[in-house]
């Protein structure tokens, strides 16, 4: 399953990186959902973001479409607010309870499909192409074991480096 998710991630990146001039940001995210992120700035204030996340003994691949607005009321320049909607697909671990193995926990992998929201406060450094993010990413997902799981408390911190392909 990890190979399929990695191939899908590489395919989406290669499709979006055709012969266009765009800015790309890559980085990491911590929180309930930890992982790597790749953000492609598709316009002056819009983006497409792909995340490969680990959560609950599983791996999820998430895609977001969103926009970024500069915060002009803040006295320090470089602050912006990102918001977007998306979805995720992957596998998660469900704990198996056994009477014989009291101290040993096993997890069974089950598929998961869900929707996500993203809200982030970004600070971009002036001279170094680094962006620091404090974000909120609630999600709802469908599981075979329980019908619906909702997490409203996925706060995280991220760091992204901006790669420019503009010449």
Foldseek 3Di string as FASTA:
>chain_A
DVVVLVVVVVVVVVVVVDPDFWKKKKWWKDFQWTFIKIWIAPDPWKIKMWTWTDHQNWIKIKIWTWTKAFDPVDPDGFKIKIKTKIKIKIKHWDWDDDPVCHPDIDTDIWIKIKIKIKIWIWGADDPFQKIKIWMFIWMWMQTPVDGIDTDRGGIIIMMIGMDGRDD
